[in-house]
């Protein structure tokens, strides 16, 4: 199931993951608060990698984290700083 509260319309549901929802929720909060976008995206990646490490995830999950990060870097401008 896709958490529609995380991300935006440019990041497809299949690219998201409940696995990384905690990082996503914080990342969206940073965007709403207007924290520097590049900094917020970097924190997002680090949070996802910490979740991956804590859960002992597979290499596929790690690649997914990087893919998700690059999607956010490419399309995050569409929702940055908006409620």
C-alpha atoms as a PDB file:
ATOM      1  CA  UNK A   1       0.000   0.000   0.000  1.00  0.00           C
ATOM      2  CA  UNK A   2       1.258   3.438  -0.889  1.00  0.00           C
ATOM      3  CA  UNK A   3       1.449   6.158   1.741  1.00  0.00           C
ATOM      4  CA  UNK A   4      -0.056   9.012  -0.246  1.00  0.00           C
ATOM      5  CA  UNK A   5       0.886  11.516   2.454  1.00  0.00           C
ATOM      6  CA  UNK A   6       4.553  11.078   1.554  1.00  0.00           C
ATOM      7  CA  UNK A   7       5.989  12.463  -1.619  1.00  0.00           C
ATOM      8  CA  UNK A   8       4.179  14.079  -4.524  1.00  0.00           C
ATOM      9  CA  UNK A   9       2.484  13.153  -7.776  1.00  0.00           C
ATOM     10  CA  UNK A  10       5.805  12.890  -9.638  1.00  0.00           C
ATOM     11  CA  UNK A  11       7.040  10.071  -7.418  1.00  0.00           C
ATOM     12  CA  UNK A  12       4.977   7.033  -8.364  1.00  0.00           C
ATOM     13  CA  UNK A  13       3.442   4.793  -5.750  1.00  0.00           C
ATOM     14  CA  UNK A  14       5.614   1.857  -6.827  1.00  0.00           C
ATOM     15  CA  UNK A  15       8.739   3.900  -6.058  1.00  0.00           C
ATOM     16  CA  UNK A  16       7.676   4.520  -2.465  1.00  0.00           C
ATOM     17  CA  UNK A  17       7.914   2.085   0.398  1.00  0.00           C
ATOM     18  CA  UNK A  18       6.386   1.749   3.848  1.00  0.00           C
ATOM     19  CA  UNK A  19       9.846   0.524   4.794  1.00  0.00           C
ATOM     20  CA  UNK A  20      11.075   4.128   4.607  1.00  0.00           C
ATOM     21  CA  UNK A  21       7.895   5.876   5.838  1.00  0.00           C
ATOM     22  CA  UNK A  22       9.491   7.301   9.024  1.00  0.00           C
ATOM     23  CA  UNK A  23      12.146   9.058   6.929  1.00  0.00           C
ATOM     24  CA  UNK A  24       9.526  10.227   4.457  1.00  0.00           C
ATOM     25  CA  UNK A  25       7.323  11.763   7.148  1.00  0.00           C
ATOM     26  CA  UNK A  26      10.245  13.743   8.571  1.00  0.00           C
ATOM     27  CA  UNK A  27      11.387  14.789   5.101  1.00  0.00           C
ATOM     28  CA  UNK A  28       7.956  16.162   4.220  1.00  0.00           C
ATOM     29  CA  UNK A  29       7.959  18.065   7.526  1.00  0.00           C
ATOM     30  CA  UNK A  30      11.331  19.621   6.648  1.00  0.00           C
ATOM     31  CA  UNK A  31       9.952  20.719   3.281  1.00  0.00           C
ATOM     32  CA  UNK A  32       6.889  22.333   4.870  1.00  0.00           C
ATOM     33  CA  UNK A  33       9.117  24.162   7.353  1.00  0.00           C
ATOM     34  CA  UNK A  34      11.289  25.526   4.542  1.00  0.00           C
ATOM     35  CA  UNK A  35      14.564  23.867   5.576  1.00  0.00           C
ATOM     36  CA  UNK A  36      17.071  24.144   2.744  1.00  0.00           C
ATOM     37  CA  UNK A  37      15.920  21.634   0.138  1.00  0.00           C
ATOM     38  CA  UNK A  38      19.327  20.099  -0.580  1.00  0.00           C
ATOM     39  CA  UNK A  39      19.974  19.715   3.157  1.00  0.00           C
ATOM     40  CA  UNK A  40      16.519  18.174   3.747  1.00  0.00           C
ATOM     41  CA  UNK A  41      17.093  15.715   0.892  1.00  0.00           C
ATOM     42  CA  UNK A  42      20.511  14.745   2.276  1.00  0.00           C
ATOM     43  CA  UNK A  43      19.006  14.124   5.709  1.00  0.00           C
ATOM     44  CA  UNK A  44      16.318  12.038   4.021  1.00  0.00           C
ATOM     45  CA  UNK A  45      18.936   9.813   2.400  1.00  0.00           C
ATOM     46  CA  UNK A  46      20.849   9.439   5.660  1.00  0.00           C
ATOM     47  CA  UNK A  47      17.627   8.570   7.517  1.00  0.00           C
ATOM     48  CA  UNK A  48      16.745   5.924   4.932  1.00  0.00           C
ATOM     49  CA  UNK A  49      20.229   4.404   5.149  1.00  0.00           C
ATOM     50  CA  UNK A  50      19.977   4.336   8.956  1.00  0.00           C
ATOM     51  CA  UNK A  51      16.607   2.565   8.707  1.00  0.00           C
ATOM     52  CA  UNK A  52      18.178   0.125   6.252  1.00  0.00           C
ATOM     53  CA  UNK A  53      21.113  -0.530   8.600  1.00  0.00           C
ATOM     54  CA  UNK A  54      18.889  -0.913  11.674  1.00  0.00           C
ATOM     55  CA  UNK A  55      16.576  -3.368   9.945  1.00  0.00           C
ATOM     56  CA  UNK A  56      19.396  -5.318   8.327  1.00  0.00           C
ATOM     57  CA  UNK A  57      17.921  -4.755   4.895  1.00  0.00           C
ATOM     58  CA  UNK A  58      18.954  -6.257   1.605  1.00  0.00           C
ATOM     59  CA  UNK A  59      21.079  -4.634  -1.058  1.00  0.00           C
ATOM     60  CA  UNK A  60      17.875  -4.113  -3.034  1.00  0.00           C
ATOM     61  CA  UNK A  61      16.506  -1.975  -0.172  1.00  0.00           C
ATOM     62  CA  UNK A  62      19.701   0.042  -0.125  1.00  0.00           C
ATOM     63  CA  UNK A  63      19.422   0.649  -3.872  1.00  0.00           C
ATOM     64  CA  UNK A  64      15.787   1.589  -3.329  1.00  0.00           C
ATOM     65  CA  UNK A  65      16.881   4.222  -0.808  1.00  0.00           C
ATOM     66  CA  UNK A  66      19.241   5.781  -3.360  1.00  0.00           C
ATOM     67  CA  UNK A  67      16.612   5.593  -6.081  1.00  0.00           C
ATOM     68  CA  UNK A  68      14.057   7.267  -3.801  1.00  0.00           C
ATOM     69  CA  UNK A  69      16.624   9.963  -2.956  1.00  0.00           C
ATOM     70  CA  UNK A  70      17.309  10.696  -6.634  1.00  0.00           C
ATOM     71  CA  UNK A  71      13.584  10.887  -7.341  1.00  0.00           C
ATOM     72  CA  UNK A  72      13.234  13.407  -4.505  1.00  0.00           C
ATOM     73  CA  UNK A  73      16.176  15.445  -5.813  1.00  0.00           C
ATOM     74  CA  UNK A  74      14.670  15.486  -9.291  1.00  0.00           C
ATOM     75  CA  UNK A  75      11.055  16.300  -8.377  1.00  0.00           C
ATOM     76  CA  UNK A  76      11.067  17.668  -4.821  1.00  0.00           C
ATOM     77  CA  UNK A  77      11.006  21.249  -6.091  1.00  0.00           C
ATOM     78  CA  UNK A  78       7.322  20.792  -6.968  1.00  0.00           C
ATOM     79  CA  UNK A  79       6.294  20.646  -3.285  1.00  0.00           C
ATOM     80  CA  UNK A  80       9.163  22.363  -1.493  1.00  0.00           C
ATOM     81  CA  UNK A  81       7.945  24.927   1.059  1.00  0.00           C
ATOM     82  CA  UNK A  82       4.258  24.216   0.420  1.00  0.00           C
ATOM     83  CA  UNK A  83       1.651  23.089   2.927  1.00  0.00           C
END
